[in-house]
Amino acid sequence: MLKYIVTVLFGICIGIYIGVAYKDQIVDAINSSPREQILDLFEGVKGQVSDTADELAEKLEELQS
């Protein structure tokens, strides 16, 4: 029984060490890159939609004149 408790505690200590030592790499691998890429893509699409809407509004004004 003591053998299993020591093994579990050792595993927990190794997990904590890896989490602390490689925190930055883990955070970068998990969420920052895809999230930033999606936000950049969204901003680009939003700008294109805004430009297209402005162009269509100008053409509509020209047709109404």
N, C-alpha and C. Protein backbone atom coordinates (compact mmCIF):
# COMPACT_ATOMS: atom_id res chain seq x y z
N MET A 1 0.83 -1.19 0.00
CA MET A 1 0.00 0.00 0.00
C MET A 1 0.88 1.26 0.00
N LEU A 2 1.90 1.25 0.81
CA LEU A 2 2.82 2.39 0.89
C LEU A 2 3.50 2.61 -0.46
N LYS A 3 3.79 1.51 -1.15
CA LYS A 3 4.43 1.58 -2.46
C LYS A 3 3.56 2.37 -3.45
N TYR A 4 2.26 2.14 -3.43
CA TYR A 4 1.34 2.83 -4.34
C TYR A 4 1.21 4.31 -3.98
N ILE A 5 1.17 4.61 -2.71
CA ILE A 5 1.07 6.01 -2.27
C ILE A 5 2.31 6.78 -2.70
N VAL A 6 3.48 6.18 -2.51
CA VAL A 6 4.73 6.83 -2.90
C VAL A 6 4.77 7.02 -4.42
N THR A 7 4.31 6.03 -5.17
CA THR A 7 4.29 6.12 -6.63
C THR A 7 3.38 7.26 -7.09
N VAL A 8 2.20 7.37 -6.48
CA VAL A 8 1.27 8.44 -6.83
C VAL A 8 1.85 9.80 -6.48
N LEU A 9 2.45 9.95 -5.32
CA LEU A 9 3.05 11.22 -4.93
C LEU A 9 4.21 11.58 -5.86
N PHE A 10 5.00 10.60 -6.25
CA PHE A 10 6.09 10.84 -7.19
C PHE A 10 5.54 11.32 -8.53
N GLY A 11 4.48 10.70 -9.00
CA GLY A 11 3.85 11.10 -10.26
C GLY A 11 3.32 12.52 -10.19
N ILE A 12 2.71 12.86 -9.07
CA ILE A 12 2.19 14.22 -8.89
C ILE A 12 3.33 15.23 -8.90
N CYS A 13 4.42 14.91 -8.23
CA CYS A 13 5.58 15.82 -8.19
C CYS A 13 6.16 16.01 -9.59
N ILE A 14 6.27 14.94 -10.35
CA ILE A 14 6.78 15.04 -11.72
C ILE A 14 5.84 15.91 -12.57
N GLY A 15 4.53 15.72 -12.40
CA GLY A 15 3.56 16.53 -13.14
C GLY A 15 3.66 18.00 -12.81
N ILE A 16 3.83 18.31 -11.54
CA ILE A 16 3.97 19.71 -11.12
C ILE A 16 5.25 20.30 -11.69
N TYR A 17 6.34 19.53 -11.64
CA TYR A 17 7.61 20.01 -12.18
C TYR A 17 7.49 20.32 -13.67
N ILE A 18 6.91 19.41 -14.43
CA ILE A 18 6.74 19.63 -15.87
C ILE A 18 5.85 20.84 -16.12
N GLY A 19 4.78 20.98 -15.35
CA GLY A 19 3.87 22.11 -15.52
C GLY A 19 4.53 23.44 -15.25
N VAL A 20 5.40 23.48 -14.24
CA VAL A 20 6.08 24.73 -13.89
C VAL A 20 7.23 25.01 -14.86
N ALA A 21 8.01 23.99 -15.18
CA ALA A 21 9.19 24.18 -16.01
C ALA A 21 8.84 24.54 -17.45
N TYR A 22 7.78 23.97 -17.98
CA TYR A 22 7.43 24.17 -19.38
C TYR A 22 6.11 24.92 -19.54
N LYS A 23 5.78 25.78 -18.59
CA LYS A 23 4.50 26.49 -18.62
C LYS A 23 4.32 27.31 -19.89
N ASP A 24 5.33 28.07 -20.26
CA ASP A 24 5.21 28.94 -21.44
C ASP A 24 4.99 28.13 -22.72
N GLN A 25 5.73 27.04 -22.87
CA GLN A 25 5.57 26.22 -24.06
C GLN A 25 4.19 25.57 -24.10
N ILE A 26 3.69 25.16 -22.94
CA ILE A 26 2.38 24.53 -22.87
C ILE A 26 1.30 25.54 -23.25
N VAL A 27 1.39 26.74 -22.71
CA VAL A 27 0.39 27.78 -23.01
C VAL A 27 0.42 28.13 -24.50
N ASP A 28 1.62 28.26 -25.06
CA ASP A 28 1.72 28.57 -26.49
C ASP A 28 1.13 27.46 -27.35
N ALA A 29 1.38 26.23 -26.97
CA ALA A 29 0.89 25.09 -27.76
C ALA A 29 -0.62 24.93 -27.66
N ILE A 30 -1.19 25.29 -26.53
CA ILE A 30 -2.61 25.03 -26.31
C ILE A 30 -3.50 26.05 -26.99
N ASN A 31 -3.28 27.34 -26.77
CA ASN A 31 -4.34 28.24 -27.20
C ASN A 31 -3.94 29.51 -27.90
N SER A 32 -2.73 29.97 -27.83
CA SER A 32 -2.49 31.31 -28.34
C SER A 32 -2.46 31.39 -29.86
N SER A 33 -1.81 30.48 -30.53
CA SER A 33 -1.67 30.59 -31.98
C SER A 33 -3.00 30.49 -32.72
N PRO A 34 -3.78 29.43 -32.53
CA PRO A 34 -5.04 29.35 -33.27
C PRO A 34 -5.99 30.50 -32.95
N ARG A 35 -6.02 30.90 -31.69
CA ARG A 35 -6.93 31.98 -31.30
C ARG A 35 -6.53 33.28 -31.98
N GLU A 36 -5.25 33.58 -31.98
CA GLU A 36 -4.80 34.81 -32.63
C GLU A 36 -5.04 34.78 -34.13
N GLN A 37 -4.84 33.62 -34.75
CA GLN A 37 -5.09 33.50 -36.18
C GLN A 37 -6.56 33.71 -36.50
N ILE A 38 -7.43 33.18 -35.68
CA ILE A 38 -8.87 33.34 -35.90
C ILE A 38 -9.27 34.80 -35.73
N LEU A 39 -8.72 35.46 -34.71
CA LEU A 39 -9.04 36.88 -34.50
C LEU A 39 -8.54 37.73 -35.66
N ASP A 40 -7.34 37.44 -36.16
CA ASP A 40 -6.81 38.19 -37.31
C ASP A 40 -7.68 37.97 -38.54
N LEU A 41 -8.08 36.73 -38.77
CA LEU A 41 -8.94 36.41 -39.91
C LEU A 41 -10.27 37.14 -39.79
N PHE A 42 -10.84 37.16 -38.59
CA PHE A 42 -12.11 37.84 -38.36
C PHE A 42 -11.99 39.33 -38.64
N GLU A 43 -10.90 39.94 -38.17
CA GLU A 43 -10.71 41.37 -38.41
C GLU A 43 -10.58 41.65 -39.91
N GLY A 44 -9.87 40.80 -40.62
CA GLY A 44 -9.72 40.97 -42.07
C GLY A 44 -11.04 40.88 -42.80
N VAL A 45 -11.83 39.88 -42.45
CA VAL A 45 -13.14 39.70 -43.09
C VAL A 45 -14.06 40.86 -42.75
N LYS A 46 -14.00 41.32 -41.51
CA LYS A 46 -14.84 42.44 -41.10
C LYS A 46 -14.50 43.69 -41.91
N GLY A 47 -13.22 43.92 -42.15
CA GLY A 47 -12.80 45.06 -42.96
C GLY A 47 -13.27 44.95 -44.39
N GLN A 48 -13.18 43.75 -44.96
CA GLN A 48 -13.63 43.54 -46.33
C GLN A 48 -15.13 43.76 -46.46
N VAL A 49 -15.89 43.28 -45.51
CA VAL A 49 -17.35 43.46 -45.54
C VAL A 49 -17.70 44.94 -45.43
N SER A 50 -17.00 45.65 -44.57
CA SER A 50 -17.25 47.08 -44.41
C SER A 50 -16.95 47.83 -45.71
N ASP A 51 -15.82 47.50 -46.35
CA ASP A 51 -15.47 48.15 -47.61
C ASP A 51 -16.50 47.85 -48.70
N THR A 52 -16.93 46.61 -48.78
CA THR A 52 -17.92 46.23 -49.79
C THR A 52 -19.24 46.95 -49.55
N ALA A 53 -19.64 47.07 -48.29
CA ALA A 53 -20.89 47.76 -47.97
C ALA A 53 -20.80 49.23 -48.36
N ASP A 54 -19.65 49.85 -48.13
CA ASP A 54 -19.48 51.25 -48.52
C ASP A 54 -19.55 51.42 -50.03
N GLU A 55 -18.91 50.50 -50.77
CA GLU A 55 -18.95 50.58 -52.23
C GLU A 55 -20.37 50.41 -52.75
N LEU A 56 -21.10 49.48 -52.19
CA LEU A 56 -22.49 49.26 -52.62
C LEU A 56 -23.36 50.47 -52.29
N ALA A 57 -23.13 51.10 -51.16
CA ALA A 57 -23.90 52.29 -50.80
C ALA A 57 -23.62 53.43 -51.78
N GLU A 58 -22.35 53.58 -52.18
CA GLU A 58 -22.00 54.62 -53.14
C GLU A 58 -22.66 54.35 -54.50
N LYS A 59 -22.64 53.10 -54.94
CA LYS A 59 -23.26 52.76 -56.22
C LYS A 59 -24.77 52.98 -56.18
N LEU A 60 -25.38 52.68 -55.05
CA LEU A 60 -26.82 52.90 -54.90
C LEU A 60 -27.14 54.39 -54.99
N GLU A 61 -26.32 55.23 -54.36
CA GLU A 61 -26.53 56.67 -54.44
C GLU A 61 -26.38 57.17 -55.87
N GLU A 62 -25.40 56.61 -56.60
CA GLU A 62 -25.20 57.01 -58.00
C GLU A 62 -26.41 56.62 -58.85
N LEU A 63 -26.96 55.45 -58.60
CA LEU A 63 -28.11 55.00 -59.38
C LEU A 63 -29.36 55.80 -59.06
N GLN A 64 -29.49 56.26 -57.83
CA GLN A 64 -30.66 57.03 -57.43
C GLN A 64 -30.60 58.45 -57.96
N SER A 65 -29.39 58.96 -58.26
CA SER A 65 -29.26 60.34 -58.73
C SER A 65 -29.68 60.50 -60.16
